[in-house]
């Protein structure tokens, strides 16, 4: 049965929708932006951010006024296979050590792989940071414990394997800093969170924390904890932190990250959450056959921002 509405009904409907849209737009202000550090001020229009420039952490007068772009550091990278011993139970942990080919001493960072393991896709993430001018240790904690790719359960012993990597990296003669930064993605974000907080490495040898769409919950907990809660270690993370996610991140992962970051900000922590529009999980390692222009833009921007963030926080820890 066809239903015919008078034209005036459509006019009224459009008017109501317009009022609703305007009301929604008015309710979205920088003060209500939540966890993200790149929130916008309107919906269904070109995005705006009405915060003053001094509160926009990404602002650059040199670029905006004079068109000057910051030139990234680029280095050829060499890598070698290494291993070290986990102090918890003498397990041998294989790893890759990557550094600029150019001779010299460089700041140290650890890259902790996530649930997919240290494969050809994720090795690139460590290599990209070495190309920015860091010495990067990438432990393969799954190979150390004979864990298959994409495990469901979390093996607690792997946290000790990563922890031992900090001491191994700091002993390298070409590492220029007395502290390192933790750099990770997916489940590696949980490993690095545990090492920083539960193992108290943020108190001695870790200067900052960077993670891409981290799994901020104990993987061994029940489903409701994965969806509605986050690891409380995040509230005790006192070192500067920078987190990157995509707009289309999985709901349960994005919810826990945003909730945790909101809590951390209320506690006065130095934490930034950057959300890239038009991308989802794995934007930084998606293969060419499915990769999008947005993936590439987000990857390049996040890589440069992460490198700049870590370099800035390692600067005061350069060895004399």
C-alpha atoms as a PDB file:
ATOM      1  CA  UNK A   1       0.000   0.000   0.000  1.00  0.00           C
ATOM      2  CA  UNK A   2       1.440   3.342  -1.072  1.00  0.00           C
ATOM      3  CA  UNK A   3       1.398   6.193   1.395  1.00  0.00           C
ATOM      4  CA  UNK A   4       1.391   9.737   0.062  1.00  0.00           C
ATOM      5  CA  UNK A   5       2.517  12.580   2.300  1.00  0.00           C
ATOM      6  CA  UNK A   6       1.686  16.208   1.636  1.00  0.00           C
ATOM      7  CA  UNK A   7       4.607  18.356   0.549  1.00  0.00           C
ATOM      8  CA  UNK A   8       4.231  20.386   3.744  1.00  0.00           C
ATOM      9  CA  UNK A   9       5.123  17.269   5.760  1.00  0.00           C
ATOM     10  CA  UNK A  10       8.480  17.051   3.994  1.00  0.00           C
ATOM     11  CA  UNK A  11       9.107  20.731   4.635  1.00  0.00           C
ATOM     12  CA  UNK A  12       8.378  20.205   8.291  1.00  0.00           C
ATOM     13  CA  UNK A  13      10.629  17.144   8.399  1.00  0.00           C
ATOM     14  CA  UNK A  14      13.512  19.020   6.800  1.00  0.00           C
ATOM     15  CA  UNK A  15      13.011  21.865   9.262  1.00  0.00           C
ATOM     16  CA  UNK A  16      13.114  19.463  12.245  1.00  0.00           C
ATOM     17  CA  UNK A  17      16.248  17.747  10.909  1.00  0.00           C
ATOM     18  CA  UNK A  18      17.923  21.106  10.402  1.00  0.00           C
ATOM     19  CA  UNK A  19      17.115  22.138  13.958  1.00  0.00           C
ATOM     20  CA  UNK A  20      18.459  18.832  15.264  1.00  0.00           C
ATOM     21  CA  UNK A  21      21.669  19.206  13.261  1.00  0.00           C
ATOM     22  CA  UNK A  22      22.170  22.759  14.488  1.00  0.00           C
ATOM     23  CA  UNK A  23      21.561  21.697  18.078  1.00  0.00           C
ATOM     24  CA  UNK A  24      24.076  18.877  17.755  1.00  0.00           C
ATOM     25  CA  UNK A  25      26.628  21.251  16.253  1.00  0.00           C
ATOM     26  CA  UNK A  26      26.177  23.706  19.097  1.00  0.00           C
ATOM     27  CA  UNK A  27      26.706  20.967  21.672  1.00  0.00           C
ATOM     28  CA  UNK A  28      30.075  19.938  20.234  1.00  0.00           C
ATOM     29  CA  UNK A  29      32.671  22.256  21.690  1.00  0.00           C
ATOM     30  CA  UNK A  30      36.392  21.911  22.393  1.00  0.00           C
ATOM     31  CA  UNK A  31      35.555  21.525  26.088  1.00  0.00           C
ATOM     32  CA  UNK A  32      33.492  18.406  25.364  1.00  0.00           C
ATOM     33  CA  UNK A  33      35.959  16.808  22.959  1.00  0.00           C
ATOM     34  CA  UNK A  34      36.740  13.888  25.255  1.00  0.00           C
ATOM     35  CA  UNK A  35      39.977  11.971  24.946  1.00  0.00           C
ATOM     36  CA  UNK A  36      41.115  12.955  21.462  1.00  0.00           C
ATOM     37  CA  UNK A  37      43.592  15.793  20.967  1.00  0.00           C
ATOM     38  CA  UNK A  38      42.353  16.559  17.452  1.00  0.00           C
ATOM     39  CA  UNK A  39      38.586  16.987  18.067  1.00  0.00           C
ATOM     40  CA  UNK A  40      36.534  19.115  15.698  1.00  0.00           C
ATOM     41  CA  UNK A  41      33.807  21.610  16.450  1.00  0.00           C
ATOM     42  CA  UNK A  42      30.979  20.855  13.988  1.00  0.00           C
ATOM     43  CA  UNK A  43      29.244  17.924  12.348  1.00  0.00           C
ATOM     44  CA  UNK A  44      28.223  17.359   8.706  1.00  0.00           C
ATOM     45  CA  UNK A  45      30.402  20.251   7.544  1.00  0.00           C
ATOM     46  CA  UNK A  46      34.078  20.934   6.995  1.00  0.00           C
ATOM     47  CA  UNK A  47      35.788  20.164  10.341  1.00  0.00           C
ATOM     48  CA  UNK A  48      36.845  23.078  12.525  1.00  0.00           C
ATOM     49  CA  UNK A  49      38.766  23.318  15.754  1.00  0.00           C
ATOM     50  CA  UNK A  50      38.138  26.523  17.654  1.00  0.00           C
ATOM     51  CA  UNK A  51      40.864  26.056  20.242  1.00  0.00           C
ATOM     52  CA  UNK A  52      43.410  28.892  20.247  1.00  0.00           C
ATOM     53  CA  UNK A  53      46.585  28.111  18.312  1.00  0.00           C
ATOM     54  CA  UNK A  54      48.703  27.859  21.466  1.00  0.00           C
ATOM     55  CA  UNK A  55      46.539  24.931  22.590  1.00  0.00           C
ATOM     56  CA  UNK A  56      46.843  23.066  19.306  1.00  0.00           C
ATOM     57  CA  UNK A  57      49.870  20.861  19.941  1.00  0.00           C
ATOM     58  CA  UNK A  58      50.410  20.335  16.194  1.00  0.00           C
ATOM     59  CA  UNK A  59      50.444  24.037  15.264  1.00  0.00           C
ATOM     60  CA  UNK A  60      53.436  25.428  13.340  1.00  0.00           C
ATOM     61  CA  UNK A  61      53.701  29.169  12.608  1.00  0.00           C
ATOM     62  CA  UNK A  62      56.680  28.631  10.287  1.00  0.00           C
ATOM     63  CA  UNK A  63      54.562  26.435   8.056  1.00  0.00           C
ATOM     64  CA  UNK A  64      51.309  28.342   8.301  1.00  0.00           C
ATOM     65  CA  UNK A  65      52.779  31.825   7.762  1.00  0.00           C
ATOM     66  CA  UNK A  66      55.906  31.193   5.679  1.00  0.00           C
ATOM     67  CA  UNK A  67      55.306  27.793   4.066  1.00  0.00           C
ATOM     68  CA  UNK A  68      58.378  26.148   5.606  1.00  0.00           C
ATOM     69  CA  UNK A  69      58.094  22.395   6.049  1.00  0.00           C
ATOM     70  CA  UNK A  70      60.187  20.572   8.605  1.00  0.00           C
ATOM     71  CA  UNK A  71      62.587  18.243   6.796  1.00  0.00           C
ATOM     72  CA  UNK A  72      62.532  14.702   8.242  1.00  0.00           C
ATOM     73  CA  UNK A  73      65.729  12.892   9.104  1.00  0.00           C
ATOM     74  CA  UNK A  74      66.409   9.980   6.772  1.00  0.00           C
ATOM     75  CA  UNK A  75      69.075   7.345   7.310  1.00  0.00           C
ATOM     76  CA  UNK A  76      69.992   4.142   5.513  1.00  0.00           C
ATOM     77  CA  UNK A  77      69.409   1.300   7.973  1.00  0.00           C
ATOM     78  CA  UNK A  78      71.467  -1.751   8.838  1.00  0.00           C
ATOM     79  CA  UNK A  79      70.185  -4.587  10.967  1.00  0.00           C
ATOM     80  CA  UNK A  80      71.554  -7.672  12.605  1.00  0.00           C
ATOM     81  CA  UNK A  81      70.182 -10.605  14.528  1.00  0.00           C
ATOM     82  CA  UNK A  82      71.018 -10.623  18.223  1.00  0.00           C
ATOM     83  CA  UNK A  83      69.844 -12.427  21.335  1.00  0.00           C
ATOM     84  CA  UNK A  84      69.836 -11.832  25.058  1.00  0.00           C
ATOM     85  CA  UNK A  85      68.810 -13.725  28.178  1.00  0.00           C
ATOM     86  CA  UNK A  86      65.620 -13.110  30.112  1.00  0.00           C
ATOM     87  CA  UNK A  87      66.561 -12.692  33.756  1.00  0.00           C
ATOM     88  CA  UNK A  88      63.290 -14.280  34.908  1.00  0.00           C
ATOM     89  CA  UNK A  89      64.091 -17.832  33.770  1.00  0.00           C
ATOM     90  CA  UNK A  90      67.183 -17.688  31.518  1.00  0.00           C
ATOM     91  CA  UNK A  91      65.135 -17.901  28.318  1.00  0.00           C
ATOM     92  CA  UNK A  92      67.060 -16.924  25.187  1.00  0.00           C
ATOM     93  CA  UNK A  93      65.228 -14.085  23.428  1.00  0.00           C
ATOM     94  CA  UNK A  94      66.003 -13.547  19.712  1.00  0.00           C
ATOM     95  CA  UNK A  95      65.747  -9.986  18.434  1.00  0.00           C
ATOM     96  CA  UNK A  96      66.637  -7.654  15.610  1.00  0.00           C
ATOM     97  CA  UNK A  97      68.869  -4.672  16.281  1.00  0.00           C
ATOM     98  CA  UNK A  98      68.441  -1.892  13.724  1.00  0.00           C
ATOM     99  CA  UNK A  99      70.397   1.328  13.486  1.00  0.00           C
ATOM    100  CA  UNK A 100      71.426   4.022  11.002  1.00  0.00           C
ATOM    101  CA  UNK A 101      74.212   2.867   8.709  1.00  0.00           C
ATOM    102  CA  UNK A 102      76.050   6.141   9.337  1.00  0.00           C
ATOM    103  CA  UNK A 103      78.561   5.740  12.164  1.00  0.00           C
ATOM    104  CA  UNK A 104      77.757   7.419  15.423  1.00  0.00           C
ATOM    105  CA  UNK A 105      75.715   7.107  18.606  1.00  0.00           C
ATOM    106  CA  UNK A 106      71.920   7.384  18.570  1.00  0.00           C
ATOM    107  CA  UNK A 107      69.026   7.355  21.066  1.00  0.00           C
ATOM    108  CA  UNK A 108      67.602   3.942  21.914  1.00  0.00           C
ATOM    109  CA  UNK A 109      64.047   2.671  21.599  1.00  0.00           C
ATOM    110  CA  UNK A 110      62.436  -0.759  21.883  1.00  0.00           C
ATOM    111  CA  UNK A 111      59.783  -1.869  19.432  1.00  0.00           C
ATOM    112  CA  UNK A 112      57.451  -4.528  20.796  1.00  0.00           C
ATOM    113  CA  UNK A 113      55.452  -6.415  18.199  1.00  0.00           C
ATOM    114  CA  UNK A 114      51.805  -7.283  18.688  1.00  0.00           C
ATOM    115  CA  UNK A 115      49.659 -10.366  18.273  1.00  0.00           C
ATOM    116  CA  UNK A 116      50.755 -11.094  14.699  1.00  0.00           C
ATOM    117  CA  UNK A 117      54.380 -11.459  15.825  1.00  0.00           C
ATOM    118  CA  UNK A 118      57.573 -10.020  14.380  1.00  0.00           C
ATOM    119  CA  UNK A 119      56.883 -10.789  10.728  1.00  0.00           C
ATOM    120  CA  UNK A 120      57.804  -9.005   7.488  1.00  0.00           C
ATOM    121  CA  UNK A 121      54.982  -6.504   7.922  1.00  0.00           C
ATOM    122  CA  UNK A 122      55.816  -5.464  11.481  1.00  0.00           C
ATOM    123  CA  UNK A 123      59.583  -5.419  10.965  1.00  0.00           C
ATOM    124  CA  UNK A 124      58.968  -2.391   8.772  1.00  0.00           C
ATOM    125  CA  UNK A 125      57.650  -0.474  11.781  1.00  0.00           C
ATOM    126  CA  UNK A 126      60.956  -0.915  13.607  1.00  0.00           C
ATOM    127  CA  UNK A 127      62.920  -0.117  10.437  1.00  0.00           C
ATOM    128  CA  UNK A 128      61.044   3.145   9.918  1.00  0.00           C
ATOM    129  CA  UNK A 129      62.118   4.390  13.340  1.00  0.00           C
ATOM    130  CA  UNK A 130      65.724   3.366  12.775  1.00  0.00           C
ATOM    131  CA  UNK A 131      65.558   5.410   9.559  1.00  0.00           C
ATOM    132  CA  UNK A 132      64.595   8.422  11.694  1.00  0.00           C
ATOM    133  CA  UNK A 133      67.858   8.200  13.633  1.00  0.00           C
ATOM    134  CA  UNK A 134      67.327   5.704  16.461  1.00  0.00           C
ATOM    135  CA  UNK A 135      68.859   2.423  17.505  1.00  0.00           C
ATOM    136  CA  UNK A 136      65.888   0.075  17.672  1.00  0.00           C
ATOM    137  CA  UNK A 137      65.727  -3.273  19.439  1.00  0.00           C
ATOM    138  CA  UNK A 138      62.846  -5.475  18.238  1.00  0.00           C
ATOM    139  CA  UNK A 139      62.512  -8.591  20.434  1.00  0.00           C
ATOM    140  CA  UNK A 140      60.652 -11.619  19.095  1.00  0.00           C
ATOM    141  CA  UNK A 141      59.025 -12.779  22.316  1.00  0.00           C
ATOM    142  CA  UNK A 142      56.887 -15.341  20.477  1.00  0.00           C
ATOM    143  CA  UNK A 143      59.896 -17.103  18.981  1.00  0.00           C
ATOM    144  CA  UNK A 144      61.511 -17.081  22.435  1.00  0.00           C
ATOM    145  CA  UNK A 145      58.544 -18.996  23.906  1.00  0.00           C
ATOM    146  CA  UNK A 146      57.559 -21.058  20.842  1.00  0.00           C
ATOM    147  CA  UNK A 147      54.262 -19.181  20.580  1.00  0.00           C
ATOM    148  CA  UNK A 148      52.367 -19.378  17.288  1.00  0.00           C
ATOM    149  CA  UNK A 149      51.229 -16.206  15.512  1.00  0.00           C
ATOM    150  CA  UNK A 150      47.947 -14.641  16.629  1.00  0.00           C
ATOM    151  CA  UNK A 151      47.701 -16.279  20.059  1.00  0.00           C
ATOM    152  CA  UNK A 152      44.499 -15.847  22.053  1.00  0.00           C
ATOM    153  CA  UNK A 153      46.034 -16.183  25.521  1.00  0.00           C
ATOM    154  CA  UNK A 154      48.703 -13.909  26.920  1.00  0.00           C
ATOM    155  CA  UNK A 155      51.812 -15.578  28.359  1.00  0.00           C
ATOM    156  CA  UNK A 156      52.929 -13.474  31.309  1.00  0.00           C
ATOM    157  CA  UNK A 157      56.555 -14.576  30.957  1.00  0.00           C
ATOM    158  CA  UNK A 158      56.853 -12.570  27.744  1.00  0.00           C
ATOM    159  CA  UNK A 159      56.704  -9.388  29.824  1.00  0.00           C
ATOM    160  CA  UNK A 160      59.977 -10.363  31.487  1.00  0.00           C
ATOM    161  CA  UNK A 161      61.480 -11.061  28.071  1.00  0.00           C
ATOM    162  CA  UNK A 162      60.720  -7.502  26.995  1.00  0.00           C
ATOM    163  CA  UNK A 163      61.931  -6.102  30.314  1.00  0.00           C
ATOM    164  CA  UNK A 164      65.327  -7.770  29.865  1.00  0.00           C
ATOM    165  CA  UNK A 165      65.560  -6.158  26.440  1.00  0.00           C
ATOM    166  CA  UNK A 166      65.734  -2.711  28.053  1.00  0.00           C
ATOM    167  CA  UNK A 167      68.932  -3.627  29.895  1.00  0.00           C
ATOM    168  CA  UNK A 168      70.390  -5.275  26.793  1.00  0.00           C
ATOM    169  CA  UNK A 169      69.730  -2.194  24.659  1.00  0.00           C
ATOM    170  CA  UNK A 170      71.185   0.217  27.185  1.00  0.00           C
ATOM    171  CA  UNK A 171      74.422  -1.793  27.255  1.00  0.00           C
ATOM    172  CA  UNK A 172      75.002  -1.239  23.533  1.00  0.00           C
ATOM    173  CA  UNK A 173      77.991   1.117  23.154  1.00  0.00           C
ATOM    174  CA  UNK A 174      76.395   3.061  20.294  1.00  0.00           C
ATOM    175  CA  UNK A 175      73.246   3.952  22.270  1.00  0.00           C
ATOM    176  CA  UNK A 176      73.597   7.598  23.218  1.00  0.00           C
ATOM    177  CA  UNK A 177      70.962   7.776  25.961  1.00  0.00           C
ATOM    178  CA  UNK A 178      70.749   6.489  29.534  1.00  0.00           C
ATOM    179  CA  UNK A 179      67.013   5.892  29.067  1.00  0.00           C
ATOM    180  CA  UNK A 180      64.981   4.484  26.192  1.00  0.00           C
ATOM    181  CA  UNK A 181      61.433   4.887  24.895  1.00  0.00           C
ATOM    182  CA  UNK A 182      58.890   2.113  24.502  1.00  0.00           C
ATOM    183  CA  UNK A 183      57.321   1.885  21.024  1.00  0.00           C
ATOM    184  CA  UNK A 184      54.642  -0.673  20.158  1.00  0.00           C
ATOM    185  CA  UNK A 185      51.425  -1.597  18.425  1.00  0.00           C
ATOM    186  CA  UNK A 186      48.369  -3.783  19.152  1.00  0.00           C
ATOM    187  CA  UNK A 187      49.072  -6.289  21.947  1.00  0.00           C
ATOM    188  CA  UNK A 188      52.602  -4.960  22.218  1.00  0.00           C
ATOM    189  CA  UNK A 189      50.977  -1.920  23.831  1.00  0.00           C
ATOM    190  CA  UNK A 190      49.940  -4.115  26.744  1.00  0.00           C
ATOM    191  CA  UNK A 191      53.423  -5.641  27.099  1.00  0.00           C
ATOM    192  CA  UNK A 192      55.051  -2.224  27.170  1.00  0.00           C
ATOM    193  CA  UNK A 193      52.445  -0.861  29.593  1.00  0.00           C
ATOM    194  CA  UNK A 194      53.148  -3.710  31.996  1.00  0.00           C
ATOM    195  CA  UNK A 195      56.901  -3.259  31.747  1.00  0.00           C
ATOM    196  CA  UNK A 196      56.670   0.489  32.320  1.00  0.00           C
ATOM    197  CA  UNK A 197      54.292   0.301  35.287  1.00  0.00           C
ATOM    198  CA  UNK A 198      54.177  -3.147  36.911  1.00  0.00           C
ATOM    199  CA  UNK A 199      57.914  -3.677  36.476  1.00  0.00           C
ATOM    200  CA  UNK A 200      58.574  -0.037  37.388  1.00  0.00           C
ATOM    201  CA  UNK A 201      60.869   0.685  34.460  1.00  0.00           C
ATOM    202  CA  UNK A 202      59.345   4.152  34.131  1.00  0.00           C
ATOM    203  CA  UNK A 203      61.094   4.864  37.427  1.00  0.00           C
ATOM    204  CA  UNK A 204      64.576   4.183  36.104  1.00  0.00           C
ATOM    205  CA  UNK A 205      65.274   3.494  32.426  1.00  0.00           C
ATOM    206  CA  UNK A 206      62.168   4.391  30.366  1.00  0.00           C
ATOM    207  CA  UNK A 207      61.563   7.997  29.310  1.00  0.00           C
ATOM    208  CA  UNK A 208      58.360   7.784  27.243  1.00  0.00           C
ATOM    209  CA  UNK A 209      55.660   5.525  25.831  1.00  0.00           C
ATOM    210  CA  UNK A 210      54.336   5.427  22.238  1.00  0.00           C
ATOM    211  CA  UNK A 211      51.777   2.948  20.931  1.00  0.00           C
ATOM    212  CA  UNK A 212      49.638   2.467  17.841  1.00  0.00           C
ATOM    213  CA  UNK A 213      46.088   1.217  18.595  1.00  0.00           C
ATOM    214  CA  UNK A 214      47.245  -0.613  21.733  1.00  0.00           C
ATOM    215  CA  UNK A 215      45.359  -3.449  23.386  1.00  0.00           C
ATOM    216  CA  UNK A 216      45.068  -1.810  26.800  1.00  0.00           C
ATOM    217  CA  UNK A 217      43.625  -4.748  28.667  1.00  0.00           C
ATOM    218  CA  UNK A 218      44.848  -8.108  29.927  1.00  0.00           C
ATOM    219  CA  UNK A 219      44.025 -10.464  27.016  1.00  0.00           C
ATOM    220  CA  UNK A 220      43.305 -13.275  29.496  1.00  0.00           C
ATOM    221  CA  UNK A 221      40.341 -11.489  31.102  1.00  0.00           C
ATOM    222  CA  UNK A 222      36.702 -12.159  30.196  1.00  0.00           C
ATOM    223  CA  UNK A 223      34.944 -10.466  27.280  1.00  0.00           C
ATOM    224  CA  UNK A 224      33.101  -7.799  29.353  1.00  0.00           C
ATOM    225  CA  UNK A 225      36.449  -6.624  30.704  1.00  0.00           C
ATOM    226  CA  UNK A 226      37.773  -6.351  27.142  1.00  0.00           C
ATOM    227  CA  UNK A 227      34.810  -4.223  26.025  1.00  0.00           C
ATOM    228  CA  UNK A 228      34.004  -2.071  29.044  1.00  0.00           C
ATOM    229  CA  UNK A 229      37.233  -1.770  31.016  1.00  0.00           C
ATOM    230  CA  UNK A 230      40.906  -1.007  30.515  1.00  0.00           C
ATOM    231  CA  UNK A 231      44.054  -2.126  32.301  1.00  0.00           C
ATOM    232  CA  UNK A 232      44.384   0.079  35.383  1.00  0.00           C
ATOM    233  CA  UNK A 233      48.137   0.195  34.779  1.00  0.00           C
ATOM    234  CA  UNK A 234      47.263   3.020  32.368  1.00  0.00           C
ATOM    235  CA  UNK A 235      46.251   5.223  35.292  1.00  0.00           C
ATOM    236  CA  UNK A 236      49.675   4.633  36.837  1.00  0.00           C
ATOM    237  CA  UNK A 237      51.620   5.454  33.667  1.00  0.00           C
ATOM    238  CA  UNK A 238      53.423   8.645  34.660  1.00  0.00           C
ATOM    239  CA  UNK A 239      55.851   9.060  31.760  1.00  0.00           C
ATOM    240  CA  UNK A 240      54.774  11.081  28.677  1.00  0.00           C
ATOM    241  CA  UNK A 241      52.642   9.001  26.308  1.00  0.00           C
ATOM    242  CA  UNK A 242      51.395   9.338  22.731  1.00  0.00           C
ATOM    243  CA  UNK A 243      48.713   7.043  21.286  1.00  0.00           C
ATOM    244  CA  UNK A 244      47.594   6.714  17.658  1.00  0.00           C
ATOM    245  CA  UNK A 245      44.372   5.117  16.412  1.00  0.00           C
ATOM    246  CA  UNK A 246      42.206   5.253  13.301  1.00  0.00           C
ATOM    247  CA  UNK A 247      38.685   6.618  13.157  1.00  0.00           C
ATOM    248  CA  UNK A 248      37.397   3.164  12.228  1.00  0.00           C
ATOM    249  CA  UNK A 249      39.212   1.244  14.958  1.00  0.00           C
ATOM    250  CA  UNK A 250      37.289  -1.723  16.383  1.00  0.00           C
ATOM    251  CA  UNK A 251      34.662  -0.463  18.818  1.00  0.00           C
ATOM    252  CA  UNK A 252      35.806  -2.479  21.828  1.00  0.00           C
ATOM    253  CA  UNK A 253      39.435  -1.416  21.362  1.00  0.00           C
ATOM    254  CA  UNK A 254      38.661   2.247  20.733  1.00  0.00           C
ATOM    255  CA  UNK A 255      36.327   2.420  23.723  1.00  0.00           C
ATOM    256  CA  UNK A 256      38.959   1.192  26.174  1.00  0.00           C
ATOM    257  CA  UNK A 257      41.646   3.479  24.743  1.00  0.00           C
ATOM    258  CA  UNK A 258      39.491   6.598  24.875  1.00  0.00           C
ATOM    259  CA  UNK A 259      38.216   5.777  28.361  1.00  0.00           C
ATOM    260  CA  UNK A 260      41.749   5.206  29.613  1.00  0.00           C
ATOM    261  CA  UNK A 261      43.101   8.402  28.047  1.00  0.00           C
ATOM    262  CA  UNK A 262      40.216  10.433  29.505  1.00  0.00           C
ATOM    263  CA  UNK A 263      41.019   9.045  32.942  1.00  0.00           C
ATOM    264  CA  UNK A 264      44.735   9.735  32.508  1.00  0.00           C
ATOM    265  CA  UNK A 265      44.031  13.350  31.541  1.00  0.00           C
ATOM    266  CA  UNK A 266      41.876  13.831  34.629  1.00  0.00           C
ATOM    267  CA  UNK A 267      44.838  12.582  36.659  1.00  0.00           C
ATOM    268  CA  UNK A 268      47.051  15.211  35.030  1.00  0.00           C
ATOM    269  CA  UNK A 269      49.112  12.789  32.945  1.00  0.00           C
ATOM    270  CA  UNK A 270      51.048  13.945  29.884  1.00  0.00           C
ATOM    271  CA  UNK A 271      49.173  11.904  27.261  1.00  0.00           C
ATOM    272  CA  UNK A 272      48.046  12.653  23.707  1.00  0.00           C
ATOM    273  CA  UNK A 273      45.572  10.631  21.675  1.00  0.00           C
ATOM    274  CA  UNK A 274      45.608  11.235  17.913  1.00  0.00           C
ATOM    275  CA  UNK A 275      42.755   9.805  15.824  1.00  0.00           C
ATOM    276  CA  UNK A 276      43.235   9.698  12.040  1.00  0.00           C
ATOM    277  CA  UNK A 277      40.100  10.076   9.887  1.00  0.00           C
ATOM    278  CA  UNK A 278      39.320   7.562   7.176  1.00  0.00           C
ATOM    279  CA  UNK A 279      41.513   4.718   8.464  1.00  0.00           C
ATOM    280  CA  UNK A 280      41.106   1.714  10.717  1.00  0.00           C
ATOM    281  CA  UNK A 281      43.193  -1.002  12.313  1.00  0.00           C
ATOM    282  CA  UNK A 282      46.611  -1.664  10.842  1.00  0.00           C
ATOM    283  CA  UNK A 283      46.831   1.516   8.777  1.00  0.00           C
ATOM    284  CA  UNK A 284      50.599   1.520   9.313  1.00  0.00           C
ATOM    285  CA  UNK A 285      51.282  -1.926   7.824  1.00  0.00           C
ATOM    286  CA  UNK A 286      48.407  -2.757   5.469  1.00  0.00           C
ATOM    287  CA  UNK A 287      49.794  -4.339   2.247  1.00  0.00           C
ATOM    288  CA  UNK A 288      49.799  -2.505  -1.103  1.00  0.00           C
ATOM    289  CA  UNK A 289      46.868  -4.433  -2.601  1.00  0.00           C
ATOM    290  CA  UNK A 290      44.441  -3.013  -0.022  1.00  0.00           C
ATOM    291  CA  UNK A 291      46.307   0.084   1.095  1.00  0.00           C
ATOM    292  CA  UNK A 292      44.602   3.467   0.721  1.00  0.00           C
ATOM    293  CA  UNK A 293      45.876   6.996   0.320  1.00  0.00           C
ATOM    294  CA  UNK A 294      44.523   7.765   3.803  1.00  0.00           C
ATOM    295  CA  UNK A 295      46.509   4.818   5.226  1.00  0.00           C
ATOM    296  CA  UNK A 296      49.693   6.230   3.772  1.00  0.00           C
ATOM    297  CA  UNK A 297      49.072   9.788   4.958  1.00  0.00           C
ATOM    298  CA  UNK A 298      48.275   8.569   8.481  1.00  0.00           C
ATOM    299  CA  UNK A 299      51.327   6.303   8.562  1.00  0.00           C
ATOM    300  CA  UNK A 300      53.776   8.985   7.454  1.00  0.00           C
ATOM    301  CA  UNK A 301      52.347  11.590   9.804  1.00  0.00           C
ATOM    302  CA  UNK A 302      52.232   9.259  12.814  1.00  0.00           C
ATOM    303  CA  UNK A 303      55.762   7.981  12.156  1.00  0.00           C
ATOM    304  CA  UNK A 304      57.168  11.509  12.085  1.00  0.00           C
ATOM    305  CA  UNK A 305      55.164  12.603  15.133  1.00  0.00           C
ATOM    306  CA  UNK A 306      56.197   9.520  17.101  1.00  0.00           C
ATOM    307  CA  UNK A 307      59.863  10.039  16.197  1.00  0.00           C
ATOM    308  CA  UNK A 308      59.739  13.704  17.173  1.00  0.00           C
ATOM    309  CA  UNK A 309      57.983  12.873  20.434  1.00  0.00           C
ATOM    310  CA  UNK A 310      60.534  10.231  21.421  1.00  0.00           C
ATOM    311  CA  UNK A 311      63.506  12.347  20.376  1.00  0.00           C
ATOM    312  CA  UNK A 312      62.255  15.275  22.458  1.00  0.00           C
ATOM    313  CA  UNK A 313      61.802  13.145  25.578  1.00  0.00           C
ATOM    314  CA  UNK A 314      65.141  11.358  25.188  1.00  0.00           C
ATOM    315  CA  UNK A 315      67.082  14.576  24.670  1.00  0.00           C
ATOM    316  CA  UNK A 316      67.685  15.213  28.366  1.00  0.00           C
ATOM    317  CA  UNK A 317      68.940  11.632  28.846  1.00  0.00           C
ATOM    318  CA  UNK A 318      71.863  11.888  26.408  1.00  0.00           C
ATOM    319  CA  UNK A 319      74.996  10.459  28.021  1.00  0.00           C
ATOM    320  CA  UNK A 320      77.768  12.931  28.716  1.00  0.00           C
END
